[in-house]
Amino acid sequence: MFHTPIVPRARKRSRPAEASAPRREGVKFEDVRLYLVERKMGRSRRSFLTELARSKGFIVEDVLSDVVTHVVSEDSQASSLWAWLKGGPVKNLPVMHVLDISWFTDSMREGKPVAVETRHLIQDTLPASPEATTPTPVSTVSQYACQRRTTTKNNNKIFTDAFEVLAESHEFNDMEGPCLAFRRAASVLKSLPWTVQNLRVTEDLPCLGEHSMCVIEEILQHGRSFEVEKILSDERYQILKLFTSVFGVGPKTAEKWYRRGLRSFSDVLAEPSIHLNRMQQSGFLHYGDISRAVSKAEAQALGNIIDEAVHAITPDAILTLTGGFRRGKDFGHDVDFIVTTPQLGKEERLLTSVIDRLKQQGILLYCEYQASTFDESKLPSHRFEAMDHFAKCFLILRLEDSQVEGGLQTAEEDRRGWRAVRVDLVSPPVDRYAFTLLGWSGSRQFERDLRRFARMERRMLLDNHALYDKTKKEFLAATTEKDIFAHLGLEYIEPWQRNA
């Protein structure tokens, strides 16, 4: 059976009595509610912009209330605007985006709400009052991602985007410690249900070191991080990011190419001394397709293809979509599945049979199969390993437009009617299914902290194969993810709350 990810419905917030009911016909963006500040804008212009936004499917509230998500203003004086906002009755101000009119005009031009960038924000320049409190007590924010639930919206994207750039830069420089520190800092901010408006509210948050705090302070003061801008404009960073975007090319290979003076794909492909492996050859061949995001509809279509292949071989097989799509993501870079059988041992030849069937269908563009090296006698593993030892395969499949509900995500000029998509399959024994499902669901930071919590707080060893209690000196069985959380003494966290 093919298990699709369960995506939670957005909870409808109760609307205060004083909020007016804007026209709802033709609404396209239910999760975005605008309020246009009349100050400096004027009544007639506000009325015109309100009608414009509603004609494009936006909800525009007539009254500022706690249902508003985006406040739009033409007031260039941030201090006076924020003084007015803070003097009002709104309690959810920390989780609202307070934006310059440029965000509104960009959104009207695109016909949809554009991502909030630093240049759009009107920063709070007023000092926090001594009585001001953080919307969520920071004492309740755990240092472990496995004890935090991520929200459906990242309220601190400006800061987390900066931390991700810094983490990636340190990864390119082979500096694991700072890289991990910035990823932990980003993970903490992603879990906050409110937006960081001043430095004071971050002082007691876990995993925010001195460097991270300096970056937050700089963004709060200037609306940007000069350090991040310097990295983004650095040639080496740009080239390594370009090279590592190719399937099969990691940071070490990218660095080697850069040191040899190669600066573009054409440089690499024209260099006679470079011998690309099969994965890299396919990465370049299908780069236009597999560097483009995969939609949820495309993932579902691929699930149908794999489901048909698997159940034609083994009717009682279990197929589960994992990775980002199981965590409720709308887009991803590839599509991951776990496939196994209810009978132990029967899964051993399953992947090779699936590969043969995909070949017969003429849709297999690339395949790397890795046979199982799983050895129960070598458990538990006392060192962290990025990959498990179960049989797995890394595929590139041909997906037809006709197979996707709503069609493929392709450029207008692309007339092929198909695209290449990366698909990864892993096949654990059924008694290891729960551990594999937990590990392959991610996110990477969530899994890293889950294992760290097990080791540091529970004296247990957890990986994709097993959970071992070092105190009792025994393995703990699990048939579901909830069993594993229970063994660790943790509240169960749904997959869509694990985007740490």
Protein backbone atom coordinates (compact mmCIF):
# COMPACT_ATOMS: atom_id res chain seq x y z
CA MET A 1 0.00 0.00 0.00
CA PHE A 2 1.17 3.49 -0.85
CA HIS A 3 1.09 5.86 2.12
CA THR A 4 0.76 9.50 1.13
CA PRO A 5 1.91 12.22 3.54
CA ILE A 6 -0.81 13.64 5.74
CA VAL A 7 -0.73 17.40 5.45
CA PRO A 8 -2.39 19.20 8.34
CA ARG A 9 -5.11 21.66 7.54
CA ALA A 10 -4.36 25.18 8.62
CA ARG A 11 -6.36 25.93 11.74
CA LYS A 12 -8.85 28.70 11.25
CA ARG A 13 -8.26 31.45 13.74
CA SER A 14 -11.34 32.92 15.36
CA ARG A 15 -11.95 36.41 14.15
CA PRO A 16 -12.43 39.20 16.68
CA ALA A 17 -15.85 40.76 16.70
CA GLU A 18 -14.52 44.16 15.63
CA ALA A 19 -12.91 42.76 12.46
CA SER A 20 -14.96 43.46 9.38
CA ALA A 21 -15.79 40.77 6.85
CA PRO A 22 -14.04 41.57 3.56
CA ARG A 23 -15.42 40.20 0.34
CA ARG A 24 -14.52 36.52 -0.03
CA GLU A 25 -15.47 35.71 -3.61
CA GLY A 26 -12.44 34.84 -5.72
CA VAL A 27 -10.09 34.41 -2.72
CA LYS A 28 -6.90 32.58 -3.74
CA PHE A 29 -4.64 33.07 -0.70
CA GLU A 30 -6.50 32.02 2.46
CA ASP A 31 -3.41 32.10 4.69
CA VAL A 32 -2.48 35.71 3.85
CA ARG A 33 -4.52 38.58 5.30
CA LEU A 34 -3.45 42.11 4.53
CA TYR A 35 -4.05 45.37 6.34
CA LEU A 36 -3.18 48.59 4.53
CA VAL A 37 -2.22 51.40 6.89
CA GLU A 38 -4.12 54.56 5.93
CA ARG A 39 -1.57 56.87 7.62
CA LYS A 40 0.51 58.62 4.92
CA MET A 41 -1.29 56.55 2.26
CA GLY A 42 -4.58 58.44 2.29
CA ARG A 43 -8.13 57.12 2.14
CA SER A 44 -8.64 57.18 -1.63
CA ARG A 45 -5.33 55.48 -2.43
CA ARG A 46 -5.96 52.88 0.28
CA SER A 47 -9.38 52.17 -1.21
CA PHE A 48 -7.88 51.79 -4.69
CA LEU A 49 -5.10 49.44 -3.49
CA THR A 50 -7.62 47.41 -1.46
CA GLU A 51 -9.77 46.81 -4.54
CA LEU A 52 -6.69 45.97 -6.60
CA ALA A 53 -5.52 43.35 -4.08
CA ARG A 54 -8.98 41.80 -3.74
CA SER A 55 -9.30 41.57 -7.53
CA LYS A 56 -6.15 39.44 -7.52
CA GLY A 57 -7.44 37.02 -4.89
CA PHE A 58 -6.00 38.59 -1.71
CA ILE A 59 -7.93 39.01 1.55
CA VAL A 60 -7.68 42.62 2.75
CA GLU A 61 -8.96 43.39 6.24
CA ASP A 62 -10.64 46.76 6.79
CA VAL A 63 -9.72 46.77 10.49
CA LEU A 64 -6.36 45.93 12.06
CA SER A 65 -6.89 42.86 14.23
CA ASP A 66 -5.14 39.68 15.29
CA VAL A 67 -6.18 37.83 12.11
CA VAL A 68 -3.88 40.04 10.01
CA THR A 69 -0.63 38.43 8.77
CA HIS A 70 0.85 41.27 6.66
CA VAL A 71 0.72 44.96 7.58
CA VAL A 72 1.57 47.21 4.60
CA SER A 73 2.54 50.86 5.02
CA GLU A 74 3.86 53.79 3.01
CA ASP A 75 5.04 55.49 6.18
CA SER A 76 8.80 55.92 5.79
CA GLN A 77 9.17 56.87 9.48
CA ALA A 78 9.56 53.46 11.12
CA SER A 79 9.53 54.86 14.66
CA SER A 80 6.19 56.65 14.27
CA LEU A 81 4.61 53.65 12.52
CA TRP A 82 5.73 51.22 15.22
CA ALA A 83 4.61 53.61 17.97
CA TRP A 84 1.16 53.69 16.37
CA LEU A 85 1.06 49.88 15.95
CA LYS A 86 2.15 49.23 19.53
CA GLY A 87 -0.42 51.67 20.82
CA GLY A 88 -3.22 49.66 19.26
CA PRO A 89 -5.20 46.68 20.58
CA VAL A 90 -3.34 44.03 18.54
CA LYS A 91 -1.72 41.24 20.57
CA ASN A 92 -0.21 39.25 17.69
CA LEU A 93 2.04 42.05 16.43
CA PRO A 94 5.25 40.00 17.00
CA VAL A 95 4.08 37.36 14.47
CA MET A 96 2.93 39.84 11.82
CA HIS A 97 5.03 41.01 8.88
CA VAL A 98 5.27 44.81 8.94
CA LEU A 99 6.12 45.70 5.37
CA ASP A 100 6.96 48.56 3.08
CA ILE A 101 4.68 49.18 0.09
CA SER A 102 7.35 47.58 -2.14
CA TRP A 103 6.24 44.13 -0.96
CA PHE A 104 2.67 44.97 -1.97
CA THR A 105 3.66 46.21 -5.45
CA ASP A 106 5.91 43.15 -5.99
CA SER A 107 3.02 40.87 -5.01
CA MET A 108 0.55 42.65 -7.28
CA ARG A 109 2.99 42.34 -10.18
CA GLU A 110 3.50 38.60 -9.56
CA GLY A 111 -0.20 37.99 -8.89
CA LYS A 112 0.61 36.17 -5.64
CA PRO A 113 2.19 36.90 -2.22
CA VAL A 114 5.95 37.11 -2.82
CA ALA A 115 8.45 35.91 -0.24
CA VAL A 116 9.25 38.53 2.39
CA GLU A 117 12.80 39.78 1.91
CA THR A 118 14.92 42.03 4.10
CA ARG A 119 14.31 45.02 1.83
CA HIS A 120 10.55 44.71 2.37
CA LEU A 121 10.64 44.87 6.18
CA ILE A 122 9.99 47.98 8.23
CA GLN A 123 12.13 47.20 11.27
CA ASP A 124 11.09 48.04 14.82
CA THR A 125 13.46 50.80 15.92
CA LEU A 126 11.78 51.47 19.27
CA PRO A 127 13.53 50.20 22.41
CA ALA A 128 11.65 47.47 24.21
CA SER A 129 9.83 48.57 27.33
CA PRO A 130 10.99 46.98 30.60
CA GLU A 131 7.59 45.30 30.90
CA ALA A 132 7.80 43.79 27.42
CA THR A 133 7.83 40.01 27.40
CA THR A 134 8.58 37.38 24.83
CA PRO A 135 5.36 35.91 23.37
CA THR A 136 6.58 32.43 24.27
CA PRO A 137 8.72 32.08 27.43
CA VAL A 138 12.23 31.23 26.24
CA SER A 139 12.61 28.80 29.12
CA THR A 140 10.21 26.51 27.23
CA VAL A 141 12.45 26.41 24.13
CA SER A 142 14.56 23.24 24.25
CA GLN A 143 18.08 22.94 22.90
CA TYR A 144 16.94 19.76 21.12
CA ALA A 145 14.95 19.99 17.87
CA CYS A 146 13.17 16.77 18.85
CA GLN A 147 11.51 18.70 21.70
CA ARG A 148 10.41 21.62 19.50
CA ARG A 149 7.58 21.74 16.98
CA THR A 150 8.18 23.79 13.87
CA THR A 151 5.35 26.01 12.69
CA THR A 152 3.81 25.94 9.21
CA LYS A 153 5.36 29.36 8.56
CA ASN A 154 8.95 30.35 9.33
CA ASN A 155 8.47 33.65 11.17
CA ASN A 156 12.20 34.41 11.19
CA LYS A 157 13.19 33.62 7.61
CA ILE A 158 15.48 36.66 7.31
CA PHE A 159 17.65 35.38 10.14
CA THR A 160 17.49 31.67 9.27
CA ASP A 161 18.38 32.35 5.61
CA ALA A 162 21.46 34.26 6.82
CA PHE A 163 22.44 31.40 9.14
CA GLU A 164 22.05 28.85 6.30
CA VAL A 165 24.43 30.86 4.11
CA LEU A 166 26.97 31.05 6.94
CA ALA A 167 26.59 27.32 7.63
CA GLU A 168 27.11 26.45 3.97
CA SER A 169 30.15 28.74 3.77
CA HIS A 170 31.74 26.95 6.73
CA GLU A 171 30.86 23.59 5.17
CA PHE A 172 32.72 24.64 2.01
CA ASN A 173 35.69 25.48 4.25
CA ASP A 174 35.46 22.06 5.96
CA MET A 175 34.69 23.68 9.33
CA GLU A 176 32.16 21.28 10.82
CA GLY A 177 31.82 22.97 14.23
CA PRO A 178 30.73 26.46 13.08
CA CYS A 179 28.61 24.89 10.32
CA LEU A 180 26.66 22.84 12.85
CA ALA A 181 26.40 25.82 15.24
CA PHE A 182 24.69 27.99 12.62
CA ARG A 183 22.36 25.15 11.61
CA ARG A 184 21.33 24.70 15.25
CA ALA A 185 20.76 28.45 15.58
CA ALA A 186 18.59 28.44 12.45
CA SER A 187 16.66 25.45 13.77
CA VAL A 188 15.81 27.24 17.04
CA LEU A 189 14.51 30.34 15.25
CA LYS A 190 12.41 28.23 12.85
CA SER A 191 10.50 26.81 15.82
CA LEU A 192 9.47 30.20 17.24
CA PRO A 193 5.80 31.10 16.72
CA TRP A 194 6.75 34.78 16.84
CA THR A 195 9.12 37.06 14.93
CA VAL A 196 12.31 38.32 16.57
CA GLN A 197 11.83 42.10 16.74
CA ASN A 198 14.67 43.01 19.12
CA LEU A 199 17.82 41.41 20.45
CA ARG A 200 16.64 41.25 24.05
CA VAL A 201 14.11 38.48 23.38
CA THR A 202 16.85 36.16 22.07
CA GLU A 203 19.18 36.43 25.06
CA ASP A 204 18.00 33.25 26.79
CA LEU A 205 17.30 31.17 23.69
CA PRO A 206 19.45 28.02 23.38
CA CYS A 207 22.03 27.45 20.62
CA LEU A 208 22.53 31.14 19.82
CA GLY A 209 26.24 31.80 20.20
CA GLU A 210 28.04 35.14 20.09
CA HIS A 211 28.48 35.04 16.32
CA SER A 212 24.79 34.25 15.74
CA MET A 213 23.73 37.06 18.07
CA CYS A 214 25.96 39.51 16.18
CA VAL A 215 24.29 38.52 12.91
CA ILE A 216 20.80 38.98 14.41
CA GLU A 217 21.78 42.38 15.82
CA GLU A 218 23.17 43.53 12.48
CA ILE A 219 20.01 42.50 10.63
CA LEU A 220 17.81 44.22 13.21
CA GLN A 221 19.83 47.43 12.92
CA HIS A 222 20.52 47.54 9.19
CA GLY A 223 17.97 45.18 7.67
CA ARG A 224 20.76 42.96 6.33
CA SER A 225 23.97 41.12 7.29
CA PHE A 226 27.06 42.59 5.67
CA GLU A 227 28.95 39.36 6.40
CA VAL A 228 26.36 37.32 4.52
CA GLU A 229 26.34 39.78 1.61
CA LYS A 230 30.12 39.48 1.39
CA ILE A 231 29.86 35.67 1.25
CA LEU A 232 27.14 35.77 -1.40
CA SER A 233 29.29 38.02 -3.61
CA ASP A 234 32.43 35.90 -3.11
CA GLU A 235 33.51 34.11 -6.30
CA ARG A 236 34.66 30.94 -4.56
CA TYR A 237 31.36 30.56 -2.69
CA GLN A 238 29.36 31.13 -5.88
CA ILE A 239 31.38 28.58 -7.87
CA LEU A 240 31.33 25.91 -5.14
CA LYS A 241 27.58 26.38 -4.78
CA LEU A 242 27.20 26.01 -8.55
CA PHE A 243 29.34 22.86 -8.75
CA THR A 244 27.70 21.19 -5.72
CA SER A 245 24.29 21.72 -7.33
CA VAL A 246 25.22 18.90 -9.74
CA PHE A 247 23.98 15.43 -8.77
CA GLY A 248 27.00 13.46 -7.52
CA VAL A 249 29.31 16.44 -6.84
CA GLY A 250 30.16 17.09 -3.18
CA PRO A 251 32.12 19.95 -1.55
CA LYS A 252 35.49 18.16 -1.85
CA THR A 253 35.12 17.54 -5.60
CA ALA A 254 33.86 21.09 -6.12
CA GLU A 255 36.86 22.49 -4.22
CA LYS A 256 39.24 20.36 -6.31
CA TRP A 257 37.74 21.68 -9.54
CA TYR A 258 37.86 25.26 -8.26
CA ARG A 259 41.54 24.97 -7.31
CA ARG A 260 42.27 23.78 -10.83
CA GLY A 261 40.93 27.07 -12.14
CA LEU A 262 37.58 25.73 -13.39
CA ARG A 263 34.80 28.29 -13.08
CA SER A 264 31.86 26.94 -15.08
CA PHE A 265 30.16 23.74 -16.21
CA SER A 266 31.66 24.20 -19.66
CA ASP A 267 35.14 24.43 -18.08
CA VAL A 268 34.57 21.11 -16.30
CA LEU A 269 33.11 19.33 -19.33
CA ALA A 270 35.91 20.61 -21.59
CA GLU A 271 38.73 19.55 -19.27
CA PRO A 272 40.15 16.27 -20.69
CA SER A 273 41.84 15.22 -17.44
CA ILE A 274 38.55 15.15 -15.52
CA HIS A 275 36.81 11.79 -15.61
CA LEU A 276 33.24 12.07 -14.40
CA ASN A 277 31.67 9.04 -12.74
CA ARG A 278 28.26 7.76 -13.93
CA MET A 279 26.33 9.73 -11.33
CA GLN A 280 28.06 13.00 -12.27
CA GLN A 281 27.58 12.32 -15.99
CA SER A 282 23.84 11.90 -15.39
CA GLY A 283 23.87 14.97 -13.15
CA PHE A 284 25.19 17.13 -15.99
CA LEU A 285 23.03 15.43 -18.63
CA HIS A 286 19.78 16.05 -16.76
CA TYR A 287 20.87 19.18 -14.86
CA GLY A 288 18.06 21.39 -16.16
CA ASP A 289 15.45 18.98 -14.84
CA ILE A 290 16.86 17.68 -11.58
CA SER A 291 18.07 21.11 -10.40
CA ARG A 292 14.47 22.30 -10.61
CA ALA A 293 12.10 21.70 -7.71
CA VAL A 294 9.76 18.71 -7.73
CA SER A 295 6.12 19.49 -6.94
CA LYS A 296 3.82 17.55 -4.62
CA ALA A 297 1.73 16.47 -7.64
CA GLU A 298 4.86 15.15 -9.36
CA ALA A 299 5.85 13.27 -6.19
CA GLN A 300 2.38 11.71 -6.08
CA ALA A 301 2.66 10.67 -9.73
CA LEU A 302 6.03 9.04 -9.07
CA GLY A 303 4.48 7.30 -6.07
CA ASN A 304 1.87 5.80 -8.38
CA ILE A 305 4.60 4.55 -10.75
CA ILE A 306 6.65 2.96 -7.95
CA ASP A 307 3.50 1.60 -6.30
CA GLU A 308 2.48 -0.19 -9.50
CA ALA A 309 5.96 -1.63 -9.99
CA VAL A 310 6.33 -2.81 -6.39
CA HIS A 311 2.90 -4.43 -6.11
CA ALA A 312 3.24 -6.16 -9.47
CA ILE A 313 6.21 -7.97 -7.91
CA THR A 314 4.95 -8.35 -4.34
CA PRO A 315 1.21 -7.73 -3.83
CA ASP A 316 1.50 -7.29 -0.06
CA ALA A 317 4.48 -4.89 -0.21
CA ILE A 318 4.56 -1.74 1.92
CA LEU A 319 5.46 1.53 0.16
CA THR A 320 5.79 4.81 2.06
CA LEU A 321 6.66 8.30 0.87
CA THR A 322 9.28 9.87 3.16
CA GLY A 323 11.59 12.92 3.16
CA GLY A 324 10.34 16.47 2.81
CA PHE A 325 7.04 15.51 1.21
CA ARG A 326 6.11 13.43 4.27
CA ARG A 327 6.91 16.54 6.32
CA GLY A 328 4.25 18.45 4.39
CA LYS A 329 6.55 20.29 1.99
CA ASP A 330 5.03 21.51 -1.27
CA PHE A 331 8.32 21.13 -3.17
CA GLY A 332 11.51 19.08 -2.91
CA HIS A 333 14.71 18.23 -4.76
CA ASP A 334 13.99 14.51 -5.01
CA VAL A 335 11.40 11.96 -3.91
CA ASP A 336 12.21 9.31 -1.28
CA PHE A 337 10.37 6.04 -0.64
CA ILE A 338 10.71 3.14 1.77
CA VAL A 339 9.67 -0.21 0.34
CA THR A 340 9.53 -3.46 2.28
CA THR A 341 7.47 -6.63 2.74
CA PRO A 342 5.63 -8.12 5.74
CA GLN A 343 7.82 -11.26 5.53
CA LEU A 344 11.40 -10.98 6.80
CA GLY A 345 13.94 -11.70 4.09
CA LYS A 346 11.53 -11.29 1.21
CA GLU A 347 12.63 -7.66 0.80
CA GLU A 348 16.18 -8.70 -0.16
CA ARG A 349 15.51 -9.00 -3.91
CA LEU A 350 12.71 -6.44 -4.08
CA LEU A 351 14.71 -3.42 -5.29
CA THR A 352 16.50 -5.27 -8.08
CA SER A 353 13.14 -6.53 -9.33
CA VAL A 354 11.71 -3.00 -9.23
CA ILE A 355 14.71 -1.70 -11.18
CA ASP A 356 14.23 -4.38 -13.84
CA ARG A 357 10.56 -3.46 -14.19
CA LEU A 358 11.35 0.27 -14.55
CA LYS A 359 13.91 -0.62 -17.23
CA GLN A 360 11.29 -2.61 -19.13
CA GLN A 361 8.98 0.40 -19.03
CA GLY A 362 11.70 2.56 -20.60
CA ILE A 363 11.58 5.22 -17.90
CA LEU A 364 14.84 4.45 -16.06
CA LEU A 365 17.36 7.16 -17.03
CA TYR A 366 19.94 6.38 -14.33
CA CYS A 367 20.39 3.81 -11.55
CA GLU A 368 22.92 3.19 -8.82
CA TYR A 369 22.06 0.14 -6.71
CA GLN A 370 23.74 -0.56 -3.37
CA ALA A 371 23.20 -4.02 -1.94
CA SER A 372 22.45 -4.43 1.76
CA THR A 373 25.44 -4.59 4.11
CA PHE A 374 23.23 -4.73 7.19
CA ASP A 375 24.64 -7.07 9.84
CA GLU A 376 22.61 -7.35 13.03
CA SER A 377 25.62 -8.75 14.89
CA LYS A 378 27.43 -5.39 14.44
CA LEU A 379 24.72 -3.45 16.27
CA PRO A 380 24.67 -1.13 18.08
CA SER A 381 26.85 1.26 16.14
CA HIS A 382 28.78 3.58 18.47
CA ARG A 383 29.67 6.07 15.74
CA PHE A 384 27.38 8.22 13.68
CA GLU A 385 27.06 7.22 10.04
CA ALA A 386 25.30 9.41 7.49
CA MET A 387 23.92 6.43 5.56
CA ASP A 388 22.35 3.23 6.79
CA HIS A 389 23.31 -0.26 5.60
CA PHE A 390 20.04 -1.34 4.01
CA ALA A 391 19.66 -2.04 0.28
CA LYS A 392 18.98 1.18 -1.58
CA CYS A 393 19.02 2.67 -5.05
CA PHE A 394 19.41 6.17 -6.43
CA LEU A 395 17.39 6.64 -9.60
CA ILE A 396 16.56 9.23 -12.22
CA LEU A 397 13.17 8.50 -13.79
CA ARG A 398 11.36 9.89 -16.80
CA LEU A 399 8.03 11.41 -15.75
CA GLU A 400 5.42 12.19 -18.41
CA ASP A 401 3.23 15.29 -18.30
CA SER A 402 0.12 13.14 -18.72
CA GLN A 403 0.94 11.24 -15.49
CA VAL A 404 0.84 14.37 -13.31
CA GLU A 405 -2.38 15.93 -12.08
CA GLY A 406 -2.25 19.53 -13.29
CA GLY A 407 0.80 18.83 -15.47
CA LEU A 408 4.57 19.03 -14.97
CA GLN A 409 6.49 21.93 -13.44
CA THR A 410 8.26 23.01 -16.63
CA ALA A 411 9.27 26.21 -18.37
CA GLU A 412 6.89 27.55 -21.03
CA GLU A 413 9.41 26.94 -23.80
CA ASP A 414 9.86 23.28 -22.78
CA ARG A 415 7.82 21.26 -25.30
CA ARG A 416 9.16 17.78 -24.50
CA GLY A 417 6.16 16.70 -22.45
CA TRP A 418 8.34 14.98 -19.85
CA ARG A 419 11.05 15.70 -17.28
CA ALA A 420 13.71 13.79 -15.36
CA VAL A 421 13.23 13.43 -11.59
CA ARG A 422 15.47 11.96 -8.90
CA VAL A 423 13.98 9.11 -6.86
CA ASP A 424 15.63 7.28 -3.93
CA LEU A 425 14.40 3.91 -2.66
CA VAL A 426 15.49 2.11 0.52
CA SER A 427 14.41 -1.39 1.52
CA PRO A 428 14.85 -2.34 5.20
CA PRO A 429 13.65 -5.58 6.82
CA VAL A 430 10.17 -5.05 8.20
CA ASP A 431 11.38 -5.27 11.82
CA ARG A 432 13.58 -2.20 11.11
CA TYR A 433 10.85 -0.29 9.25
CA ALA A 434 9.98 2.15 12.09
CA PHE A 435 13.62 3.17 12.60
CA THR A 436 14.13 3.65 8.86
CA LEU A 437 10.92 5.65 8.52
CA LEU A 438 11.96 7.96 11.35
CA GLY A 439 15.45 8.43 9.92
CA TRP A 440 14.43 8.97 6.29
CA SER A 441 11.61 11.37 7.19
CA GLY A 442 14.05 14.01 8.46
CA SER A 443 14.70 16.81 8.70
CA ARG A 444 18.45 16.34 8.98
CA GLN A 445 18.71 18.65 12.00
CA PHE A 446 15.74 17.00 13.69
CA GLU A 447 17.33 13.55 13.29
CA ARG A 448 20.72 14.79 14.45
CA ASP A 449 19.22 16.25 17.62
CA LEU A 450 17.04 13.18 18.21
CA ARG A 451 20.15 10.99 18.26
CA ARG A 452 22.02 13.51 20.40
CA PHE A 453 19.09 13.57 22.87
CA ALA A 454 19.06 9.76 23.02
CA ARG A 455 22.79 9.66 23.72
CA MET A 456 23.09 12.60 26.14
CA GLU A 457 19.78 12.45 28.03
CA ARG A 458 18.80 8.77 27.92
CA ARG A 459 22.10 6.88 27.53
CA MET A 460 20.70 5.24 24.40
CA LEU A 461 22.03 4.78 20.87
CA LEU A 462 19.63 5.51 18.02
CA ASP A 463 20.13 5.21 14.28
CA ASN A 464 18.18 4.00 11.22
CA HIS A 465 18.70 0.40 12.31
CA ALA A 466 17.87 0.18 16.01
CA LEU A 467 17.50 1.76 19.45
CA TYR A 468 19.85 0.40 22.12
CA ASP A 469 19.56 1.08 25.86
CA LYS A 470 23.11 1.22 27.28
CA THR A 471 21.84 1.07 30.87
CA LYS A 472 19.72 -2.06 30.39
CA LYS A 473 22.11 -3.38 27.72
CA GLU A 474 19.25 -4.37 25.45
CA PHE A 475 17.66 -3.42 22.15
CA LEU A 476 14.23 -1.80 22.31
CA ALA A 477 11.75 -3.04 19.73
CA ALA A 478 9.51 -0.66 17.78
CA THR A 479 6.87 -1.14 15.10
CA THR A 480 5.93 2.55 14.82
CA GLU A 481 7.63 5.92 15.22
CA LYS A 482 5.47 6.52 18.29
CA ASP A 483 7.08 3.48 19.94
CA ILE A 484 10.52 5.08 19.49
CA PHE A 485 9.41 8.43 20.93
CA ALA A 486 7.84 6.58 23.87
CA HIS A 487 11.07 4.64 24.56
CA LEU A 488 12.91 7.99 24.64
CA GLY A 489 10.34 9.57 26.94
CA LEU A 490 9.46 12.19 24.32
CA GLU A 491 6.12 13.57 23.21
CA TYR A 492 5.36 12.38 19.70
CA ILE A 493 5.98 15.04 17.04
CA GLU A 494 4.12 14.77 13.76
CA PRO A 495 6.24 14.66 10.57
CA TRP A 496 5.10 18.12 9.42
CA GLN A 497 6.37 19.57 12.72
CA ARG A 498 9.91 18.27 12.15
CA ASN A 499 11.16 20.87 9.62
CA ALA A 500 13.92 21.89 12.00
